[in-house]
Amino acid sequence: MGTAIRVLVVDDSAFMRKVISDTLNRHPGINVIATARNGEDALDKRKKLRPDVITFGNGSYYVA
């Protein structure tokens, strides 16, 4: 198999970030590289880590 898909998980709930990350990491070819608690945090991590995919929980996309 080729390179793993690099994922950034964004959710305001620490519990949901863990559940989503653990679920995704069980799949070969998917690697959760980081988590973020909100849109602002996600933008910072996106610039530094350059994920292939970003998942957003409901309401986590707000950027001030």
C-alpha atoms as a PDB file:
ATOM      1  CA  MET A   1       0.000   0.000   0.000  1.00  0.00           C
ATOM      2  CA  GLY A   2       1.109   3.588  -0.592  1.00  0.00           C
ATOM      3  CA  THR A   3       1.497   6.468   1.792  1.00  0.00           C
ATOM      4  CA  ALA A   4      -1.042   6.763   4.608  1.00  0.00           C
ATOM      5  CA  ILE A   5      -3.702   9.466   4.453  1.00  0.00           C
ATOM      6  CA  ARG A   6      -2.790  12.115   7.026  1.00  0.00           C
ATOM      7  CA  VAL A   7      -5.809  13.348   8.991  1.00  0.00           C
ATOM      8  CA  LEU A   8      -6.391  16.296  11.330  1.00  0.00           C
ATOM      9  CA  VAL A   9      -9.407  15.733  13.609  1.00  0.00           C
ATOM     10  CA  VAL A  10     -11.211  18.856  14.847  1.00  0.00           C
ATOM     11  CA  ASP A  11     -13.906  18.781  17.515  1.00  0.00           C
ATOM     12  CA  ASP A  12     -14.673  20.910  20.558  1.00  0.00           C
ATOM     13  CA  SER A  13     -15.178  17.760  22.656  1.00  0.00           C
ATOM     14  CA  ALA A  14     -12.009  16.021  23.874  1.00  0.00           C
ATOM     15  CA  PHE A  15     -14.010  12.792  24.149  1.00  0.00           C
ATOM     16  CA  MET A  16     -15.123  12.962  20.502  1.00  0.00           C
ATOM     17  CA  ARG A  17     -11.605  13.838  19.295  1.00  0.00           C
ATOM     18  CA  LYS A  18     -10.368  10.671  21.017  1.00  0.00           C
ATOM     19  CA  VAL A  19     -13.198   8.468  19.703  1.00  0.00           C
ATOM     20  CA  ILE A  20     -12.782   9.712  16.130  1.00  0.00           C
ATOM     21  CA  SER A  21      -8.976   9.479  16.256  1.00  0.00           C
ATOM     22  CA  ASP A  22      -9.015   5.960  17.707  1.00  0.00           C
ATOM     23  CA  THR A  23     -11.563   4.810  15.133  1.00  0.00           C
ATOM     24  CA  LEU A  24      -9.634   6.253  12.189  1.00  0.00           C
ATOM     25  CA  ASN A  25      -6.277   4.981  13.421  1.00  0.00           C
ATOM     26  CA  ARG A  26      -7.618   1.405  13.405  1.00  0.00           C
ATOM     27  CA  HIS A  27      -7.769   1.534   9.614  1.00  0.00           C
ATOM     28  CA  PRO A  28      -4.623   0.737   7.634  1.00  0.00           C
ATOM     29  CA  GLY A  29      -3.676   3.618   5.413  1.00  0.00           C
ATOM     30  CA  ILE A  30      -5.085   6.303   7.729  1.00  0.00           C
ATOM     31  CA  ASN A  31      -2.910   8.186  10.200  1.00  0.00           C
ATOM     32  CA  VAL A  32      -4.357  10.830  12.532  1.00  0.00           C
ATOM     33  CA  ILE A  33      -1.447  13.256  12.793  1.00  0.00           C
ATOM     34  CA  ALA A  34      -3.072  15.735  15.184  1.00  0.00           C
ATOM     35  CA  THR A  35      -6.253  16.928  16.825  1.00  0.00           C
ATOM     36  CA  ALA A  36      -7.569  20.441  17.373  1.00  0.00           C
ATOM     37  CA  ARG A  37     -10.289  21.837  19.640  1.00  0.00           C
ATOM     38  CA  ASN A  38     -11.591  24.583  17.301  1.00  0.00           C
ATOM     39  CA  GLY A  39     -11.201  26.202  13.902  1.00  0.00           C
ATOM     40  CA  GLU A  40      -8.510  28.604  15.027  1.00  0.00           C
ATOM     41  CA  ASP A  41      -6.384  25.777  16.439  1.00  0.00           C
ATOM     42  CA  ALA A  42      -7.053  23.754  13.273  1.00  0.00           C
ATOM     43  CA  LEU A  43      -5.796  26.559  11.013  1.00  0.00           C
ATOM     44  CA  ASP A  44      -2.526  26.762  12.939  1.00  0.00           C
ATOM     45  CA  LYS A  45      -2.021  23.001  12.753  1.00  0.00           C
ATOM     46  CA  ARG A  46      -3.031  22.860   9.084  1.00  0.00           C
ATOM     47  CA  LYS A  47      -0.297  25.330   8.186  1.00  0.00           C
ATOM     48  CA  LYS A  48       2.364  23.430  10.146  1.00  0.00           C
ATOM     49  CA  LEU A  49       1.360  19.822   9.454  1.00  0.00           C
ATOM     50  CA  ARG A  50      -0.296  19.966   6.001  1.00  0.00           C
ATOM     51  CA  PRO A  51      -2.808  17.114   6.490  1.00  0.00           C
ATOM     52  CA  ASP A  52      -4.496  15.447   3.518  1.00  0.00           C
ATOM     53  CA  VAL A  53      -7.915  15.490   5.220  1.00  0.00           C
ATOM     54  CA  ILE A  54      -9.467  17.603   7.985  1.00  0.00           C
ATOM     55  CA  THR A  55     -12.574  16.389   9.827  1.00  0.00           C
ATOM     56  CA  PHE A  56     -14.734  18.945  11.631  1.00  0.00           C
ATOM     57  CA  GLY A  57     -17.206  18.156  14.384  1.00  0.00           C
ATOM     58  CA  ASN A  58     -20.466  20.059  14.529  1.00  0.00           C
ATOM     59  CA  GLY A  59     -19.713  23.624  15.663  1.00  0.00           C
ATOM     60  CA  SER A  60     -15.920  23.209  15.680  1.00  0.00           C
ATOM     61  CA  TYR A  61     -15.270  25.342  12.614  1.00  0.00           C
ATOM     62  CA  TYR A  62     -15.699  28.755  14.303  1.00  0.00           C
ATOM     63  CA  VAL A  63     -12.738  31.089  13.852  1.00  0.00           C
ATOM     64  CA  ALA A  64     -12.705  34.409  15.695  1.00  0.00           C
END
